[in-house]
Amino acid sequence: MIARMKRGAYLVNTARGKICNRDAIARALESGQLAGYAGDVWFPQPAPKDHPWRSMPHHACER
């Protein structure tokens, strides 16, 4: 579904964390398909210490 979005789009997930595939979002951010991502929570919580989201620019998670 992310591939169908306009390149450079921002994705804001106001639902729970599990609704989005975190690895697909990370790949989309790395490739530039997504320009940014904001989410309400991590899934699972706490987020894995080595997950790319922890050091990626242009993303935000509430918890």
Protein backbone atom coordinates (compact mmCIF):
# COMPACT_ATOMS: atom_id res chain seq x y z
CA MET A 1 0.00 0.00 0.00
CA ILE A 2 2.87 2.38 0.76
CA ALA A 3 4.19 1.89 -2.79
CA ARG A 4 0.91 3.29 -4.14
CA MET A 5 1.33 6.52 -2.21
CA LYS A 6 2.88 9.57 -3.84
CA ARG A 7 6.66 9.44 -3.44
CA GLY A 8 7.76 11.71 -0.61
CA ALA A 9 4.45 11.48 1.25
CA TYR A 10 4.16 11.64 5.03
CA LEU A 11 2.32 8.89 6.91
CA VAL A 12 0.62 9.73 10.20
CA ASN A 13 -0.64 6.70 12.12
CA THR A 14 -3.13 7.85 14.76
CA ALA A 15 -4.28 4.28 15.37
CA ARG A 16 -2.35 1.68 17.34
CA GLY A 17 1.16 0.69 16.38
CA LYS A 18 0.32 -2.81 15.16
CA ILE A 19 -1.80 -1.52 12.27
CA CYS A 20 1.36 -0.64 10.28
CA ASN A 21 4.18 -2.93 9.24
CA ARG A 22 7.15 -1.30 10.98
CA ASP A 23 9.74 -2.90 8.69
CA ALA A 24 7.89 -1.78 5.54
CA ILE A 25 7.75 1.75 6.92
CA ALA A 26 11.46 1.69 7.72
CA ARG A 27 12.25 0.53 4.17
CA ALA A 28 9.98 3.22 2.70
CA LEU A 29 11.71 5.90 4.77
CA GLU A 30 15.16 4.66 3.78
CA SER A 31 14.24 4.60 0.08
CA GLY A 32 12.55 8.01 0.10
CA GLN A 33 9.13 6.58 -0.74
CA LEU A 34 8.00 8.13 2.55
CA ALA A 35 9.43 11.49 3.58
CA GLY A 36 8.33 11.03 7.17
CA TYR A 37 6.33 8.93 9.60
CA ALA A 38 4.59 9.77 12.86
CA GLY A 39 2.94 7.18 15.06
CA ASP A 40 1.15 6.99 18.38
CA VAL A 41 2.94 3.99 19.86
CA TRP A 42 5.61 1.39 19.13
CA PHE A 43 4.70 -2.23 18.56
CA PRO A 44 5.89 -4.12 20.43
CA GLN A 45 6.57 -1.90 23.41
CA PRO A 46 9.22 -1.09 24.18
CA ALA A 47 10.68 -0.82 20.71
CA PRO A 48 13.65 -3.09 19.99
CA LYS A 49 16.90 -1.27 20.81
CA ASP A 50 18.34 -2.05 17.37
CA HIS A 51 15.31 -1.08 15.25
CA PRO A 52 16.14 1.50 12.55
CA TRP A 53 13.40 3.88 13.75
CA ARG A 54 15.45 4.68 16.83
CA SER A 55 18.12 6.45 14.77
CA MET A 56 16.21 7.49 11.64
CA PRO A 57 15.55 11.13 10.83
CA HIS A 58 12.04 12.28 9.93
CA HIS A 59 10.05 10.00 12.16
CA ALA A 60 8.33 10.44 15.49
CA CYS A 61 6.60 8.13 17.92
CA GLU A 62 4.68 9.25 20.97
CA ARG A 63 5.90 6.46 23.28
